[in-house]
N, C-alpha and C. Protein backbone atom coordinates (compact mmCIF):
# COMPACT_ATOMS: atom_id res chain seq x y z
N MET A 1 -51.10 20.23 -8.35
CA MET A 1 -51.36 21.24 -7.23
C MET A 1 -50.60 21.15 -6.11
N PRO A 2 -50.20 22.15 -5.34
CA PRO A 2 -50.00 22.14 -4.17
C PRO A 2 -50.63 21.40 -3.32
N VAL A 3 -50.09 20.82 -2.01
CA VAL A 3 -50.68 20.00 -0.91
C VAL A 3 -50.19 20.85 0.40
N GLU A 4 -51.29 21.58 1.13
CA GLU A 4 -50.77 22.41 2.28
C GLU A 4 -50.86 21.47 3.35
N MET A 5 -49.55 21.66 4.00
CA MET A 5 -49.69 20.83 5.48
C MET A 5 -49.42 21.72 6.76
N LEU A 6 -49.69 21.05 7.83
CA LEU A 6 -49.73 21.78 9.13
C LEU A 6 -49.19 20.36 9.80
N VAL A 7 -48.13 20.33 10.39
CA VAL A 7 -47.29 19.18 10.99
C VAL A 7 -47.16 19.98 12.26
N THR A 8 -47.38 18.96 13.57
CA THR A 8 -47.12 19.23 14.46
C THR A 8 -45.95 17.87 15.20
N TYR A 9 -45.01 18.51 16.19
CA TYR A 9 -43.89 17.76 16.34
C TYR A 9 -44.16 18.18 17.70
N ILE A 10 -44.20 16.97 18.41
CA ILE A 10 -44.40 16.92 19.85
C ILE A 10 -42.48 16.27 20.36
N PRO A 11 -41.87 16.44 21.11
CA PRO A 11 -40.83 16.06 21.15
C PRO A 11 -40.91 15.25 22.80
N LYS A 12 -40.00 14.71 23.10
CA LYS A 12 -39.72 13.70 24.32
C LYS A 12 -39.23 14.55 25.25
N PRO A 13 -39.47 14.51 26.26
CA PRO A 13 -38.69 15.69 27.70
C PRO A 13 -37.05 15.36 27.48
N GLY A 14 -36.94 16.88 27.31
CA GLY A 14 -35.28 16.92 26.81
C GLY A 14 -34.61 16.82 25.38
N LYS A 15 -35.99 16.86 24.04
CA LYS A 15 -35.15 16.68 23.15
C LYS A 15 -35.95 17.90 22.38
N GLU A 16 -36.25 18.83 22.95
CA GLU A 16 -36.76 19.91 22.50
C GLU A 16 -35.73 20.90 21.79
N GLN A 17 -34.70 20.78 22.30
CA GLN A 17 -33.53 21.83 21.12
C GLN A 17 -33.32 20.77 20.32
N GLU A 18 -33.09 19.89 20.29
CA GLU A 18 -33.11 18.86 18.95
C GLU A 18 -33.72 19.02 17.73
N ILE A 19 -35.27 18.91 18.39
CA ILE A 19 -36.52 18.68 17.35
C ILE A 19 -36.64 20.34 16.74
N GLU A 20 -36.14 21.26 17.67
CA GLU A 20 -36.16 22.75 17.21
C GLU A 20 -35.33 22.82 16.09
N ARG A 21 -33.96 22.03 16.34
CA ARG A 21 -33.36 22.43 15.20
C ARG A 21 -33.46 21.89 13.87
N MET A 22 -33.90 20.60 14.06
CA MET A 22 -34.45 19.80 12.71
C MET A 22 -35.49 20.38 12.34
N VAL A 23 -36.46 21.07 12.65
CA VAL A 23 -37.65 21.59 12.21
C VAL A 23 -37.14 22.86 11.76
N LEU A 24 -36.10 23.34 12.13
CA LEU A 24 -35.78 24.49 11.40
C LEU A 24 -34.94 24.14 10.09
N ALA A 25 -34.42 23.13 10.14
CA ALA A 25 -33.80 22.50 8.97
C ALA A 25 -34.64 21.52 8.02
N HIS A 26 -35.79 21.64 8.55
CA HIS A 26 -36.39 20.50 7.60
C HIS A 26 -37.27 21.16 6.17
N TRP A 27 -37.94 22.20 6.20
CA TRP A 27 -37.77 23.10 4.65
C TRP A 27 -36.77 23.29 3.97
N PRO A 28 -35.59 23.67 4.19
CA PRO A 28 -34.47 23.87 3.63
C PRO A 28 -33.99 22.38 2.60
N VAL A 29 -34.20 21.59 3.50
CA VAL A 29 -33.88 20.09 3.11
C VAL A 29 -34.63 19.79 1.97
N LEU A 30 -35.96 19.87 1.94
CA LEU A 30 -37.16 19.62 1.41
C LEU A 30 -37.18 20.49 -0.11
N ALA A 31 -36.62 21.96 0.09
CA ALA A 31 -36.80 23.12 -1.34
C ALA A 31 -35.61 21.98 -1.78
N SER A 32 -34.28 22.14 -0.96
CA SER A 32 -33.08 21.72 -1.54
C SER A 32 -33.23 19.93 -3.04
N VAL A 33 -33.87 19.92 -2.33
CA VAL A 33 -34.43 18.29 -3.81
C VAL A 33 -35.85 18.75 -4.35
N GLU A 34 -36.20 19.61 -4.19
CA GLU A 34 -37.34 20.29 -4.93
C GLU A 34 -38.75 19.80 -4.73
N LEU A 35 -39.13 19.67 -3.57
CA LEU A 35 -40.08 18.66 -3.42
C LEU A 35 -41.21 19.51 -2.68
N VAL A 36 -41.12 21.21 -2.26
CA VAL A 36 -42.27 21.92 -2.22
C VAL A 36 -41.94 23.11 -2.70
N THR A 37 -43.18 23.79 -2.99
CA THR A 37 -43.20 25.05 -3.01
C THR A 37 -42.16 25.97 -2.82
N ASP A 38 -42.22 27.48 -3.39
CA ASP A 38 -41.30 28.34 -3.07
C ASP A 38 -41.55 29.37 -2.08
N GLU A 39 -42.69 28.91 -1.31
CA GLU A 39 -42.94 29.57 0.06
C GLU A 39 -42.45 29.32 0.83
N PRO A 40 -41.66 29.82 1.80
CA PRO A 40 -40.52 29.22 2.80
C PRO A 40 -41.66 28.39 4.04
N ALA A 41 -41.40 27.55 4.67
CA ALA A 41 -42.36 26.77 5.89
C ALA A 41 -42.54 28.35 7.10
N THR A 42 -43.38 28.41 7.47
CA THR A 42 -43.60 29.22 8.56
C THR A 42 -43.78 28.12 9.91
N ILE A 43 -42.91 28.35 11.10
CA ILE A 43 -42.93 27.36 12.45
C ILE A 43 -42.65 28.26 13.66
N TRP A 44 -43.90 27.73 14.42
CA TRP A 44 -44.13 28.18 15.90
C TRP A 44 -43.44 27.30 16.77
N ARG A 45 -43.06 27.66 18.06
CA ARG A 45 -42.94 27.18 19.04
C ARG A 45 -44.17 27.29 19.90
N ALA A 46 -44.69 26.29 20.47
CA ALA A 46 -45.84 26.27 21.16
C ALA A 46 -45.78 25.79 22.05
N VAL A 47 -46.11 26.34 23.43
CA VAL A 47 -46.09 25.92 24.84
C VAL A 47 -47.54 25.57 25.60
N ASP A 48 -47.86 24.21 25.75
CA ASP A 48 -49.22 24.06 26.10
C ASP A 48 -49.42 24.58 27.52
N LYS A 49 -50.49 25.85 27.64
CA LYS A 49 -50.71 26.82 29.12
C LYS A 49 -51.28 25.55 29.92
N ARG A 50 -51.27 24.43 30.02
CA ARG A 50 -51.84 23.48 31.18
C ARG A 50 -50.76 22.71 31.51
N THR A 51 -50.07 21.92 30.75
CA THR A 51 -49.31 21.19 30.91
C THR A 51 -47.89 21.70 30.91
N GLY A 52 -47.44 22.92 30.22
CA GLY A 52 -46.16 23.36 29.62
C GLY A 52 -45.26 22.70 28.89
N GLN A 53 -45.92 21.72 27.89
CA GLN A 53 -45.25 20.79 27.09
C GLN A 53 -45.20 21.54 25.61
N VAL A 54 -43.85 21.49 25.42
CA VAL A 54 -43.64 22.13 23.94
C VAL A 54 -43.34 21.42 23.14
N SER A 55 -44.07 22.26 21.88
CA SER A 55 -44.36 21.12 20.54
C SER A 55 -43.88 22.62 19.53
N PHE A 56 -43.38 22.04 18.31
CA PHE A 56 -43.35 23.04 17.29
C PHE A 56 -44.36 22.41 15.91
N VAL A 57 -44.99 23.88 15.63
CA VAL A 57 -45.81 23.57 14.22
C VAL A 57 -45.51 24.21 13.49
N GLU A 58 -44.99 23.31 12.23
CA GLU A 58 -44.89 23.56 10.97
C GLU A 58 -45.70 23.66 9.82
N ARG A 59 -45.97 25.07 8.78
CA ARG A 59 -46.93 25.09 7.87
C ARG A 59 -45.88 25.40 6.78
N PHE A 60 -46.22 24.28 6.09
CA PHE A 60 -45.44 24.16 4.31
C PHE A 60 -46.26 23.75 3.68
N SER A 61 -46.08 23.76 2.25
CA SER A 61 -46.73 23.16 0.96
C SER A 61 -45.84 22.14 0.02
N TRP A 62 -46.20 20.92 0.39
CA TRP A 62 -45.37 20.12 -0.97
C TRP A 62 -45.76 20.54 -2.41
N LYS A 63 -45.11 20.29 -3.44
CA LYS A 63 -45.35 21.17 -4.78
C LYS A 63 -46.46 20.40 -5.21
N ASP A 64 -46.87 18.82 -4.90
CA ASP A 64 -47.68 18.03 -5.74
C ASP A 64 -48.34 16.92 -4.64
N GLU A 65 -49.37 16.13 -4.73
CA GLU A 65 -49.64 15.14 -4.33
C GLU A 65 -48.62 13.96 -4.00
N GLU A 66 -47.35 13.63 -5.18
CA GLU A 66 -46.62 12.63 -5.24
C GLU A 66 -45.33 12.91 -4.36
N ALA A 67 -45.08 14.34 -3.98
CA ALA A 67 -43.89 14.75 -3.51
C ALA A 67 -43.44 14.24 -1.99
N ALA A 68 -44.47 13.92 -1.05
CA ALA A 68 -44.72 13.31 0.43
C ALA A 68 -44.16 12.07 -0.09
N GLY A 69 -44.68 11.10 -0.76
CA GLY A 69 -44.04 9.63 -1.05
C GLY A 69 -42.69 9.78 -1.65
N ILE A 70 -42.24 11.03 -2.74
CA ILE A 70 -41.00 10.77 -3.44
C ILE A 70 -39.77 11.16 -2.22
N ALA A 71 -40.36 11.83 -1.17
CA ALA A 71 -39.20 12.35 -0.20
C ALA A 71 -38.64 10.99 0.87
N HIS A 72 -39.85 9.85 0.95
CA HIS A 72 -39.40 8.82 1.34
C HIS A 72 -38.28 8.34 0.79
N GLN A 73 -37.98 8.32 -0.39
CA GLN A 73 -36.95 8.15 -1.20
C GLN A 73 -35.75 8.20 -1.27
N MET A 74 -35.66 9.99 -1.09
CA MET A 74 -34.81 10.97 -0.84
C MET A 74 -33.77 10.57 0.23
N PRO A 75 -32.40 10.48 0.27
CA PRO A 75 -31.77 10.40 1.31
C PRO A 75 -31.25 11.78 2.04
N GLN A 76 -31.35 12.58 1.49
CA GLN A 76 -31.30 14.06 2.16
C GLN A 76 -32.19 13.96 3.34
N VAL A 77 -33.51 13.55 2.91
CA VAL A 77 -34.79 13.87 3.58
C VAL A 77 -34.91 12.82 4.61
N MET A 78 -34.26 11.67 4.70
CA MET A 78 -34.48 10.44 4.97
C MET A 78 -33.14 10.60 6.45
N ALA A 79 -32.27 11.57 6.00
CA ALA A 79 -31.02 11.63 6.95
C ALA A 79 -31.63 12.36 7.81
N LEU A 80 -32.94 13.22 7.97
CA LEU A 80 -33.28 14.26 8.49
C LEU A 80 -34.54 13.50 9.45
N TRP A 81 -35.36 12.79 8.89
CA TRP A 81 -36.64 12.28 9.30
C TRP A 81 -36.28 11.43 10.35
N GLU A 82 -35.40 10.09 9.66
CA GLU A 82 -35.10 8.89 11.02
C GLU A 82 -34.28 9.13 12.09
N PRO A 83 -33.61 10.43 12.22
CA PRO A 83 -33.07 10.41 13.46
C PRO A 83 -34.08 11.22 14.78
N MET A 84 -35.20 11.95 13.60
CA MET A 84 -35.99 12.66 14.27
C MET A 84 -36.94 11.48 15.27
N GLY A 85 -37.38 10.67 14.48
CA GLY A 85 -38.52 9.61 15.04
C GLY A 85 -38.32 9.37 16.52
N PRO A 86 -37.11 8.85 17.03
CA PRO A 86 -37.16 8.36 18.48
C PRO A 86 -37.00 9.55 19.47
N MET A 87 -37.18 10.71 18.77
CA MET A 87 -37.10 11.66 19.58
C MET A 87 -38.30 12.31 19.84
N LEU A 88 -39.48 12.01 19.43
CA LEU A 88 -41.04 12.51 18.95
C LEU A 88 -41.76 11.90 20.25
N GLU A 89 -42.62 12.31 21.16
CA GLU A 89 -43.33 11.73 21.60
C GLU A 89 -44.78 11.26 21.17
N GLU A 90 -44.61 12.33 19.75
CA GLU A 90 -45.85 12.19 18.67
C GLU A 90 -45.69 13.00 17.60
N LEU A 91 -46.23 12.84 16.39
CA LEU A 91 -46.20 13.64 15.14
C LEU A 91 -47.43 13.69 14.50
N LYS A 92 -48.12 14.93 14.37
CA LYS A 92 -49.19 14.55 13.69
C LYS A 92 -48.87 15.28 12.42
N LEU A 93 -49.74 15.10 11.58
CA LEU A 93 -49.54 15.33 10.01
C LEU A 93 -51.02 15.70 9.66
N ALA A 94 -51.24 17.14 8.77
CA ALA A 94 -52.46 17.49 8.88
C ALA A 94 -52.48 17.78 7.28
N THR A 95 -53.40 18.01 6.35
CA THR A 95 -53.43 18.44 5.19
C THR A 95 -54.27 19.68 5.28
N ILE A 96 -54.09 20.60 4.83
CA ILE A 96 -55.24 21.76 5.34
C ILE A 96 -55.65 22.53 4.39
N GLN A 97 -56.85 22.87 4.47
CA GLN A 97 -57.54 24.19 3.42
C GLN A 97 -58.00 25.11 3.68
N ARG A 98 -57.39 26.71 3.63
CA ARG A 98 -58.46 27.34 3.70
C ARG A 98 -59.80 27.87 3.27
N ILE A 99 -60.55 27.93 4.88
CA ILE A 99 -61.86 28.25 4.16
C ILE A 99 -62.64 29.67 4.50
N GLU A 100 -63.12 29.97 4.26
CA GLU A 100 -63.73 31.96 4.22
C GLU A 100 -64.61 31.77 5.17
N ALA A 101 -64.91 32.40 6.18
CA ALA A 101 -66.22 32.43 7.10
C ALA A 101 -67.21 33.37 6.51
N ALA A 102 -68.32 33.06 6.53
CA ALA A 102 -69.73 33.57 6.13
C ALA A 102 -69.50 35.52 6.71
N ARG A 103 -69.93 36.06 5.71
CA ARG A 103 -69.89 37.32 5.98
C ARG A 103 -71.08 38.10 6.21
N ALA A 104 -71.67 38.69 7.05
CA ALA A 104 -72.69 39.03 7.54
C ALA A 104 -73.31 40.79 6.61
């Protein structure tokens, strides 16, 4: 069963362009090693209205619960993740599930 993710990347000042490039490459790398579903990631660039801080939000689905752990063993994935870490202020990883609002 797929695991839907919402990942927020908050870059350090001056690292916004590099993180954007890496986030755009993220899903293709995961897809190349068959760890995600066929649905491409959706990516947003967000700017905090109060602080002006830029972040990037990515929604994608791991193909199953084991895929994230396997990713840590894949050189192609680690080649992207390892240099990304020092450029981030924060990385938020959330599993998400769609819910339906009650209808009147």
